[in-house]
Amino acid sequence: ISREALNFMADLATRGMPEGKEKWFEPVKTDRAWWNGLDGKVRRVMATIGEVECLKDPIEEVALSYLKPNVKDFTWLVEKGGVHIDYLCDFVVGDGEKNVYFKEVVAWLLDTYQK
């Protein structure tokens, strides 16, 4: 995807966004202090990404530099050779049980909601 295409899509998504709400759309541009107290809002967080994700660097920055330091129970899952929804696609076509990342996400969800 070209830079121009990404900018075009971002412009479409942000058109009409109220001033001051940008941090919800581009969390990497927020002050790190904005994330303080996140532990009081959520008990645990799982962030997933694919190794070949086109926006891998900013997603990784938000997850590891902003989320992880502010949530005690943080899980970071990188799907080797994939993108962040590959395990869901495998599930949809009936191959979820063959995907180790699918199993990890399901185990995390079970653990989260059984506590």
Protein backbone atom coordinates (compact mmCIF):
# COMPACT_ATOMS: atom_id res chain seq x y z
CA ILE A 1 0.00 0.00 0.00
CA SER A 2 1.48 3.33 -0.99
CA ARG A 3 1.90 6.30 1.33
CA GLU A 4 -0.61 8.19 -0.79
CA ALA A 5 -3.22 5.43 -0.41
CA LEU A 6 -2.72 5.31 3.37
CA ASN A 7 -3.02 9.10 3.61
CA PHE A 8 -6.19 9.00 1.49
CA MET A 9 -7.76 6.35 3.77
CA ALA A 10 -6.70 8.22 6.90
CA ASP A 11 -8.23 11.41 5.55
CA LEU A 12 -11.50 9.58 4.93
CA ALA A 13 -11.51 8.12 8.44
CA THR A 14 -10.67 11.37 10.22
CA ARG A 15 -12.94 13.73 8.31
CA GLY A 16 -15.19 15.47 10.83
CA MET A 17 -13.29 14.23 13.88
CA PRO A 18 -13.92 16.63 16.78
CA GLU A 19 -10.88 18.62 17.82
CA GLY A 20 -9.13 17.08 20.80
CA LYS A 21 -10.23 13.53 19.95
CA GLU A 22 -7.24 12.77 17.73
CA LYS A 23 -5.51 10.81 20.49
CA TRP A 24 -8.20 8.14 20.16
CA PHE A 25 -7.33 7.73 16.49
CA GLU A 26 -3.55 8.14 16.64
CA PRO A 27 -2.52 6.97 20.11
CA VAL A 28 1.17 7.00 19.17
CA LYS A 29 0.96 10.81 19.06
CA THR A 30 -0.38 11.14 22.61
CA ASP A 31 1.60 12.22 25.61
CA ARG A 32 2.73 9.11 27.50
CA ALA A 33 1.08 10.48 30.63
CA TRP A 34 -2.30 10.02 28.92
CA TRP A 35 -1.85 6.26 29.43
CA ASN A 36 -1.24 6.54 33.20
CA GLY A 37 -3.94 4.82 35.22
CA LEU A 38 -4.86 2.37 32.47
CA ASP A 39 -4.42 -0.45 35.00
CA GLY A 40 -7.35 1.01 36.91
CA LYS A 41 -9.56 0.73 33.82
CA VAL A 42 -8.63 -2.71 32.48
CA ARG A 43 -7.36 -5.82 34.22
CA ARG A 44 -5.40 -7.24 31.31
CA VAL A 45 -4.56 -6.52 27.69
CA MET A 46 -3.53 -8.66 24.75
CA ALA A 47 -2.07 -6.94 21.71
CA THR A 48 -1.58 -8.95 18.54
CA ILE A 49 0.37 -8.19 15.42
CA GLY A 50 1.66 -9.99 12.39
CA GLU A 51 5.34 -10.11 11.62
CA VAL A 52 4.64 -8.73 8.13
CA GLU A 53 2.04 -6.13 9.19
CA CYS A 54 2.20 -3.03 7.01
CA LEU A 55 1.82 -0.76 10.07
CA LYS A 56 3.96 -2.98 12.32
CA ASP A 57 6.28 -0.28 13.68
CA PRO A 58 3.65 2.13 15.09
CA ILE A 59 1.51 -0.76 16.41
CA GLU A 60 4.55 -2.22 18.15
CA GLU A 61 5.47 1.19 19.56
CA VAL A 62 2.01 1.73 21.05
CA ALA A 63 1.84 -1.79 22.44
CA LEU A 64 5.31 -1.98 23.97
CA SER A 65 5.95 1.66 24.87
CA TYR A 66 2.49 2.79 25.95
CA LEU A 67 0.31 -0.22 26.85
CA LYS A 68 2.84 -2.61 28.40
CA PRO A 69 4.26 -0.15 30.97
CA ASN A 70 0.73 0.74 32.11
CA VAL A 71 -0.92 -2.69 32.38
CA LYS A 72 0.44 -5.28 34.80
CA ASP A 73 -1.03 -8.23 32.89
CA PHE A 74 0.05 -7.52 29.31
CA THR A 75 0.41 -10.13 26.57
CA TRP A 76 2.18 -9.41 23.29
CA LEU A 77 1.57 -11.89 20.47
CA VAL A 78 3.50 -11.71 17.18
CA GLU A 79 2.29 -14.05 14.43
CA LYS A 80 5.38 -15.15 12.50
CA GLY A 81 4.98 -14.59 8.76
CA GLY A 82 1.45 -13.25 9.19
CA VAL A 83 -0.76 -10.26 9.83
CA HIS A 84 -2.84 -9.64 12.93
CA ILE A 85 -6.01 -11.31 11.65
CA ASP A 86 -4.56 -14.45 10.07
CA TYR A 87 -5.58 -16.59 13.05
CA LEU A 88 -9.16 -15.29 12.69
CA CYS A 89 -9.18 -16.09 8.98
CA ASP A 90 -8.03 -19.61 9.81
CA PHE A 91 -10.89 -19.89 12.29
CA VAL A 92 -13.46 -18.71 9.72
CA VAL A 93 -12.40 -21.37 7.21
CA GLY A 94 -12.38 -24.09 9.87
CA ASP A 95 -8.61 -24.28 10.42
CA GLY A 96 -8.41 -22.45 13.75
CA GLU A 97 -7.26 -25.51 15.65
CA LYS A 98 -4.27 -25.82 13.31
CA ASN A 99 -3.07 -22.29 14.10
CA VAL A 100 -0.94 -21.96 17.25
CA TYR A 101 -1.76 -18.23 17.52
CA PHE A 102 -5.49 -18.96 17.42
CA LYS A 103 -5.00 -21.38 20.30
CA GLU A 104 -3.05 -18.75 22.27
CA VAL A 105 -5.76 -16.12 21.78
CA VAL A 106 -8.52 -18.55 22.76
CA ALA A 107 -6.56 -19.62 25.86
CA TRP A 108 -6.05 -15.96 26.81
CA LEU A 109 -9.76 -15.22 26.36
CA LEU A 110 -10.78 -18.27 28.39
CA ASP A 111 -8.39 -17.27 31.15
CA THR A 112 -9.68 -13.68 31.07
CA TYR A 113 -13.36 -14.52 31.29
CA GLN A 114 -13.10 -17.45 33.69
CA LYS A 115 -11.42 -15.34 36.39
